[in-house]
Amino acid sequence: MRKRWSVPYDGAAGTRGDDTVGIPEKEKRCLLQKMLLIRRFEEKVKELYDGKHIVGAIHLYIGQEAVAVGVCAALRKDDYVFSTHRGHGHAIAKGAELKGIMAELMGKDTGLSRGHGGSMHLFDVENGLMGGNGIVGGGIPLALGGAFSAQYKGTDRVSATFFSDGAANQGVFSEALNLAALFSLPVLFVCENNGYAATTPVAASTAKVDIAGRANAYGVCGTAVDGNDVLVVHEAALSAIARIRAGKGPQLIECTTYRIEPHCGILPDDRQPGEREIWQEKDPIRLLREALAAGQGFSADDFEAMETEIKGQIEEAVRFASDSPWPDPQAPHNRGWEV
């Protein structure tokens, strides 16, 4: 019997360095607020899914919030983001309206894709969100299109693509790295290595778990970081994006993280007993909250006020989505956006 793989918890993928102390307290609080917003949103989505107010398959982002928030906080509004099937966190982090996301999940006409896309196809051009993708690794080559467009038009826009450790084993990943390096495209590859491709442990599908190292074969700079430390992720993203805008070609960041929930809402969770509990000790929200409390005097009252504000936003989004009409099957599926 093949030995099951458990995600290591030893800090080997990168630890917080002195450079993160330069992030202003106000920005750190914004990072915490955004991660908490994603967490509470996803918890509400799970509740609505269990109550059959949301149907189909959902892929929750709980536990991985530091990756989306750390990277997207380093991007500009006009930068492109190509998301995945697990994309709610990316959409929120990139600035998509909470009401539109919730309405889309409920299949309503006021949703980001007028209720036709659902959970895996969130799309918001105005905020640079170029869509989720139900195909594993499907967003990777699309990001090269966004990057080529930015380069061709002479802009300094960056095209970021999020993908998983499972997607890194798709041939398109190697093809995209090669093309991006060949044409020096402004692409940021972000691998969210959460240890599983659906239910398959990474060691059962990957000969060498060093996705950042693969970039070297194409002359691309690859960096591995602790994906549960939002400050480390943010610093890595700022550095990589600065290099891209300076014309130094594509960059890759591998973020070691962990999803707390099962792969999707319709599959059982058969991971090793105690595995989730180990990773909950390294919860990204808990890590930053404790750092703020220790260094900047972030109090329990401050956190409670943040929770209260977020709860109100989510309740408003649920009301908006619930009261919204169903889409007209004959109406256009988009909102007239031009890319």
Protein backbone atom coordinates (compact mmCIF):
# COMPACT_ATOMS: atom_id res chain seq x y z
CA MET A 1 0.00 0.00 0.00
CA ARG A 2 1.33 3.43 -0.91
CA LYS A 3 2.22 5.52 2.07
CA ARG A 4 -0.01 8.55 2.41
CA TRP A 5 1.61 11.94 2.37
CA SER A 6 0.99 14.51 5.05
CA VAL A 7 1.78 18.19 4.63
CA PRO A 8 4.92 19.16 6.55
CA TYR A 9 4.65 21.71 9.30
CA ASP A 10 8.23 22.71 9.92
CA GLY A 11 8.52 26.18 8.42
CA ALA A 12 10.82 24.80 5.73
CA ALA A 13 9.09 26.67 2.94
CA GLY A 14 10.15 30.08 4.19
CA THR A 15 9.80 32.06 7.39
CA ARG A 16 9.09 35.64 8.22
CA GLY A 17 12.11 37.83 7.76
CA ASP A 18 13.07 41.27 9.01
CA ASP A 19 11.82 42.86 5.79
CA THR A 20 8.19 42.36 6.79
CA VAL A 21 8.54 44.77 9.71
CA GLY A 22 8.58 47.56 7.14
CA ILE A 23 4.92 46.96 6.26
CA PRO A 24 2.92 49.77 7.94
CA GLU A 25 0.52 48.81 10.73
CA LYS A 26 -2.44 50.21 8.79
CA GLU A 27 -1.61 47.97 5.83
CA LYS A 28 -1.23 44.93 8.08
CA ARG A 29 -4.70 45.60 9.49
CA CYS A 30 -6.07 45.84 5.96
CA LEU A 31 -4.50 42.49 5.14
CA LEU A 32 -6.07 40.96 8.25
CA GLN A 33 -9.45 42.46 7.43
CA LYS A 34 -9.39 41.12 3.89
CA MET A 35 -8.39 37.62 5.03
CA LEU A 36 -11.11 37.65 7.66
CA LEU A 37 -13.65 38.81 5.07
CA ILE A 38 -12.76 35.87 2.84
CA ARG A 39 -12.92 33.43 5.77
CA ARG A 40 -16.34 34.58 6.98
CA PHE A 41 -17.66 34.75 3.42
CA GLU A 42 -16.60 31.17 2.78
CA GLU A 43 -18.12 30.01 6.06
CA LYS A 44 -21.40 31.64 5.03
CA VAL A 45 -21.18 30.02 1.59
CA LYS A 46 -20.75 26.63 3.25
CA GLU A 47 -23.83 27.30 5.39
CA LEU A 48 -25.88 28.35 2.36
CA TYR A 49 -24.65 25.33 0.40
CA ASP A 50 -25.67 22.97 3.19
CA GLY A 51 -29.06 24.69 3.19
CA LYS A 52 -29.34 24.19 -0.60
CA HIS A 53 -29.47 27.94 -1.27
CA ILE A 54 -26.36 27.40 -3.39
CA VAL A 55 -26.22 24.34 -5.64
CA GLY A 56 -23.62 22.58 -7.74
CA ALA A 57 -20.03 22.11 -6.60
CA ILE A 58 -18.25 24.63 -4.40
CA HIS A 59 -14.52 24.70 -3.65
CA LEU A 60 -13.89 26.64 -0.46
CA TYR A 61 -10.75 28.70 0.11
CA ILE A 62 -10.65 28.42 3.90
CA GLY A 63 -7.06 28.19 5.11
CA GLN A 64 -5.44 29.66 1.99
CA GLU A 65 -6.47 33.29 2.49
CA ALA A 66 -2.91 34.57 2.94
CA VAL A 67 -2.00 33.69 -0.65
CA ALA A 68 -4.77 35.57 -2.43
CA VAL A 69 -4.60 38.55 -0.08
CA GLY A 70 -0.81 38.78 0.01
CA VAL A 71 -0.49 38.66 -3.77
CA CYS A 72 -3.49 40.78 -4.76
CA ALA A 73 -2.55 43.52 -2.29
CA ALA A 74 0.67 43.89 -4.29
CA LEU A 75 -1.17 44.18 -7.60
CA ARG A 76 -2.84 47.25 -9.07
CA LYS A 77 -6.50 47.38 -9.99
CA ASP A 78 -5.64 47.29 -13.69
CA ASP A 79 -3.40 44.23 -13.34
CA TYR A 80 -4.92 40.97 -14.53
CA VAL A 81 -5.75 37.98 -12.34
CA PHE A 82 -6.63 34.59 -13.81
CA SER A 83 -8.26 32.47 -11.14
CA THR A 84 -9.07 28.80 -10.58
CA HIS A 85 -12.02 26.60 -9.65
CA ARG A 86 -11.24 27.58 -6.02
CA GLY A 87 -11.59 31.27 -6.79
CA HIS A 88 -13.85 33.05 -4.28
CA GLY A 89 -10.82 34.24 -2.32
CA HIS A 90 -9.09 35.59 -5.43
CA ALA A 91 -12.22 37.51 -6.44
CA ILE A 92 -12.62 39.13 -3.04
CA ALA A 93 -8.91 39.90 -2.73
CA LYS A 94 -8.88 41.53 -6.19
CA GLY A 95 -11.73 43.84 -5.22
CA ALA A 96 -14.83 42.26 -6.74
CA GLU A 97 -18.04 43.39 -5.06
CA LEU A 98 -19.24 41.02 -2.36
CA LYS A 99 -22.88 41.35 -3.43
CA GLY A 100 -22.06 40.40 -7.01
CA ILE A 101 -20.06 37.37 -5.91
CA MET A 102 -22.81 36.09 -3.62
CA ALA A 103 -25.49 36.70 -6.25
CA GLU A 104 -23.43 34.76 -8.78
CA LEU A 105 -23.08 31.82 -6.40
CA MET A 106 -26.85 31.83 -5.96
CA GLY A 107 -27.35 31.97 -9.74
CA LYS A 108 -28.99 35.40 -9.73
CA ASP A 109 -29.10 37.99 -12.52
CA THR A 110 -27.22 40.53 -10.40
CA GLY A 111 -24.22 38.21 -10.15
CA LEU A 112 -20.84 38.93 -11.68
CA SER A 113 -21.71 36.76 -14.70
CA ARG A 114 -25.48 37.32 -14.49
CA GLY A 115 -25.92 34.00 -12.73
CA HIS A 116 -24.65 31.94 -15.65
CA GLY A 117 -21.12 31.26 -14.38
CA GLY A 118 -21.57 30.18 -10.80
CA SER A 119 -18.87 29.43 -8.27
CA MET A 120 -16.10 28.47 -10.70
CA HIS A 121 -16.55 31.28 -13.24
CA LEU A 122 -16.39 34.56 -11.34
CA PHE A 123 -15.52 37.36 -13.74
CA ASP A 124 -14.99 41.09 -13.10
CA VAL A 125 -13.05 42.95 -15.79
CA GLU A 126 -13.40 46.30 -14.03
CA ASN A 127 -11.24 44.95 -11.22
CA GLY A 128 -8.90 42.97 -13.45
CA LEU A 129 -10.44 39.60 -12.58
CA MET A 130 -10.35 37.70 -15.85
CA GLY A 131 -12.38 34.77 -14.67
CA GLY A 132 -12.18 31.55 -12.75
CA ASN A 133 -11.69 28.26 -14.53
CA GLY A 134 -13.17 24.85 -13.90
CA ILE A 135 -10.29 23.17 -15.75
CA VAL A 136 -7.28 22.40 -13.56
CA GLY A 137 -4.48 24.58 -14.89
CA GLY A 138 -6.82 26.16 -17.44
CA GLY A 139 -6.04 29.70 -16.37
CA ILE A 140 -2.28 29.37 -16.80
CA PRO A 141 -2.10 29.77 -20.61
CA LEU A 142 -4.82 32.43 -20.54
CA ALA A 143 -2.61 34.55 -18.31
CA LEU A 144 -0.02 34.59 -21.08
CA GLY A 145 -2.63 36.19 -23.32
CA GLY A 146 -3.20 38.96 -20.78
CA ALA A 147 0.55 39.42 -20.43
CA PHE A 148 1.10 39.57 -24.19
CA SER A 149 -1.67 42.16 -24.48
CA ALA A 150 -0.03 44.30 -21.80
CA GLN A 151 3.37 44.00 -23.48
CA TYR A 152 2.01 44.64 -26.98
CA LYS A 153 0.21 47.80 -25.83
CA GLY A 154 3.35 49.07 -24.12
CA THR A 155 1.83 49.14 -20.64
CA ASP A 156 3.42 47.94 -17.40
CA ARG A 157 0.46 45.78 -16.42
CA VAL A 158 1.14 42.43 -14.81
CA SER A 159 -0.84 39.26 -15.50
CA ALA A 160 -1.03 36.95 -12.47
CA THR A 161 -2.22 33.37 -12.59
CA PHE A 162 -3.08 31.26 -9.57
CA PHE A 163 -2.88 27.48 -9.81
CA SER A 164 -2.42 24.43 -7.59
CA ASP A 165 0.29 21.83 -7.07
CA GLY A 166 -1.91 19.47 -9.10
CA ALA A 167 -2.06 21.94 -11.99
CA ALA A 168 1.74 22.17 -11.96
CA ASN A 169 1.76 18.61 -13.31
CA GLN A 170 -0.26 19.62 -16.34
CA GLY A 171 1.85 19.95 -19.47
CA VAL A 172 0.49 23.44 -20.05
CA PHE A 173 2.43 24.66 -17.02
CA SER A 174 5.77 23.81 -18.62
CA GLU A 175 4.63 25.17 -21.97
CA ALA A 176 3.54 28.42 -20.36
CA LEU A 177 6.82 28.83 -18.46
CA ASN A 178 8.73 28.30 -21.69
CA LEU A 179 6.70 30.80 -23.70
CA ALA A 180 6.67 33.38 -20.92
CA ALA A 181 10.45 33.17 -20.63
CA LEU A 182 10.97 33.12 -24.40
CA PHE A 183 9.05 36.36 -24.92
CA SER A 184 9.86 37.87 -21.49
CA LEU A 185 6.16 38.24 -20.75
CA PRO A 186 5.00 40.12 -17.63
CA VAL A 187 3.49 37.07 -15.92
CA LEU A 188 3.40 36.23 -12.23
CA PHE A 189 2.90 32.49 -11.69
CA VAL A 190 1.49 31.78 -8.22
CA CYS A 191 1.36 28.14 -7.15
CA GLU A 192 -0.86 27.46 -4.16
CA ASN A 193 0.66 24.21 -2.97
CA ASN A 194 -1.97 22.97 -0.54
CA GLY A 195 -0.68 19.41 -0.62
CA TYR A 196 -3.51 17.81 -2.57
CA ALA A 197 -4.76 17.55 -6.13
CA ALA A 198 -8.42 16.99 -5.26
CA THR A 199 -7.92 13.99 -2.94
CA THR A 200 -4.51 12.84 -4.20
CA PRO A 201 -1.58 13.70 -1.91
CA VAL A 202 1.17 15.59 -3.70
CA ALA A 203 3.79 12.90 -3.01
CA ALA A 204 1.60 10.35 -4.78
CA SER A 205 1.58 12.41 -7.98
CA THR A 206 4.77 14.48 -7.93
CA ALA A 207 8.26 12.99 -8.11
CA LYS A 208 9.93 16.04 -6.58
CA VAL A 209 7.85 18.53 -4.63
CA ASP A 210 9.79 21.62 -5.66
CA ILE A 211 7.55 23.55 -8.00
CA ALA A 212 9.47 26.80 -7.59
CA GLY A 213 12.60 24.95 -8.65
CA ARG A 214 11.06 23.99 -11.97
CA ALA A 215 11.18 27.64 -13.02
CA ASN A 216 14.97 27.53 -13.13
CA ALA A 217 14.90 25.18 -16.12
CA TYR A 218 13.37 28.01 -18.15
CA GLY A 219 15.46 30.83 -16.75
CA VAL A 220 12.56 32.06 -14.63
CA CYS A 221 13.09 33.22 -11.06
CA GLY A 222 11.25 30.89 -8.68
CA THR A 223 10.70 31.60 -4.97
CA ALA A 224 9.22 29.30 -2.32
CA VAL A 225 7.55 30.92 0.69
CA ASP A 226 5.36 30.11 3.67
CA GLY A 227 1.92 30.55 2.13
CA ASN A 228 0.23 30.87 5.51
CA ASP A 229 2.15 34.01 6.43
CA VAL A 230 0.48 36.86 4.58
CA LEU A 231 3.34 39.27 5.31
CA VAL A 232 5.88 36.93 3.75
CA VAL A 233 3.62 36.31 0.75
CA HIS A 234 3.03 40.03 0.33
CA GLU A 235 6.74 40.87 0.44
CA ALA A 236 7.52 38.11 -2.07
CA ALA A 237 4.77 39.38 -4.38
CA LEU A 238 5.92 43.00 -4.12
CA SER A 239 9.45 41.97 -5.02
CA ALA A 240 8.40 39.72 -7.91
CA ILE A 241 6.00 42.28 -9.35
CA ALA A 242 8.62 45.02 -9.14
CA ARG A 243 11.00 42.83 -11.16
CA ILE A 244 8.30 42.13 -13.73
CA ARG A 245 7.47 45.82 -14.16
CA ALA A 246 11.19 46.54 -14.50
CA GLY A 247 11.25 44.26 -17.54
CA LYS A 248 13.02 41.32 -15.91
CA GLY A 249 10.56 38.78 -17.24
CA PRO A 250 8.16 36.32 -15.62
CA GLN A 251 8.41 35.29 -11.98
CA LEU A 252 7.08 32.33 -10.00
CA ILE A 253 6.09 32.12 -6.33
CA GLU A 254 5.29 28.79 -4.70
CA CYS A 255 3.21 29.22 -1.56
CA THR A 256 3.04 26.24 0.81
CA THR A 257 -0.40 26.31 2.38
CA TYR A 258 -3.32 24.05 3.30
CA ARG A 259 -7.05 23.97 2.67
CA ILE A 260 -9.04 23.18 5.78
CA GLU A 261 -12.20 22.06 3.98
CA PRO A 262 -12.54 19.02 1.65
CA HIS A 263 -11.77 19.45 -2.03
CA CYS A 264 -15.37 20.38 -2.80
CA GLY A 265 -18.78 20.23 -1.21
CA ILE A 266 -19.81 16.95 -2.81
CA LEU A 267 -16.76 14.86 -1.86
CA PRO A 268 -15.95 13.26 1.51
CA ASP A 269 -12.78 14.22 3.35
CA ASP A 270 -10.46 11.23 3.76
CA ARG A 271 -7.29 12.99 4.86
CA GLN A 272 -5.26 11.66 7.76
CA PRO A 273 -6.79 12.14 11.22
CA GLY A 274 -5.25 15.10 12.99
CA GLU A 275 -3.78 16.62 9.83
CA ARG A 276 -6.13 19.58 9.74
CA GLU A 277 -5.63 20.23 13.43
CA ILE A 278 -1.87 20.52 12.91
CA TRP A 279 -2.35 23.10 10.18
CA GLN A 280 -4.95 25.04 12.15
CA GLU A 281 -2.11 25.92 14.50
CA LYS A 282 -0.66 27.83 11.58
CA ASP A 283 -3.89 29.53 10.59
CA PRO A 284 -2.99 32.67 8.57
CA ILE A 285 -5.56 34.85 10.33
CA ARG A 286 -4.41 33.72 13.74
CA LEU A 287 -0.75 34.35 12.85
CA LEU A 288 -1.30 37.94 11.75
CA ARG A 289 -3.74 38.73 14.55
CA GLU A 290 -1.20 37.56 17.13
CA ALA A 291 1.57 39.53 15.44
CA LEU A 292 -0.52 42.69 15.48
CA ALA A 293 -1.49 42.18 19.11
CA ALA A 294 2.13 41.68 20.13
CA GLY A 295 3.69 44.46 18.10
CA GLN A 296 1.11 47.16 17.54
CA GLY A 297 -1.34 46.69 20.39
CA PHE A 298 -4.17 45.29 18.29
CA SER A 299 -6.78 44.56 20.94
CA ALA A 300 -9.59 42.04 21.26
CA ASP A 301 -12.01 44.98 20.90
CA ASP A 302 -10.33 45.96 17.62
CA PHE A 303 -10.79 42.44 16.30
CA GLU A 304 -14.40 42.30 17.47
CA ALA A 305 -15.15 45.58 15.69
CA MET A 306 -13.60 44.15 12.53
CA GLU A 307 -15.72 41.01 12.88
CA THR A 308 -18.89 43.07 13.36
CA GLU A 309 -18.25 45.15 10.26
CA ILE A 310 -17.55 42.08 8.16
CA LYS A 311 -20.62 40.26 9.44
CA GLY A 312 -22.75 43.22 8.36
CA GLN A 313 -21.21 43.21 4.87
CA ILE A 314 -21.88 39.51 4.43
CA GLU A 315 -25.45 39.72 5.72
CA GLU A 316 -26.10 42.57 3.30
CA ALA A 317 -24.66 40.52 0.43
CA VAL A 318 -26.88 37.56 1.30
CA ARG A 319 -29.98 39.77 1.43
CA PHE A 320 -29.08 41.36 -1.87
CA ALA A 321 -28.55 38.00 -3.55
CA SER A 322 -31.68 36.45 -2.04
CA ASP A 323 -33.83 39.36 -3.21
CA SER A 324 -32.32 39.47 -6.71
CA PRO A 325 -34.21 38.06 -9.72
CA TRP A 326 -33.31 34.94 -11.63
CA PRO A 327 -31.59 35.56 -14.98
CA ASP A 328 -33.42 35.69 -18.27
CA PRO A 329 -32.08 32.76 -20.36
CA GLN A 330 -32.36 34.91 -23.49
CA ALA A 331 -30.36 37.86 -22.10
CA PRO A 332 -26.61 38.32 -22.73
CA HIS A 333 -24.43 36.47 -20.25
CA ASN A 334 -21.99 39.32 -19.74
CA ARG A 335 -22.39 42.95 -18.79
CA GLY A 336 -21.05 44.48 -21.97
CA TRP A 337 -17.45 44.58 -20.77
CA GLU A 338 -14.69 45.21 -23.21
CA VAL A 339 -11.30 43.67 -22.41
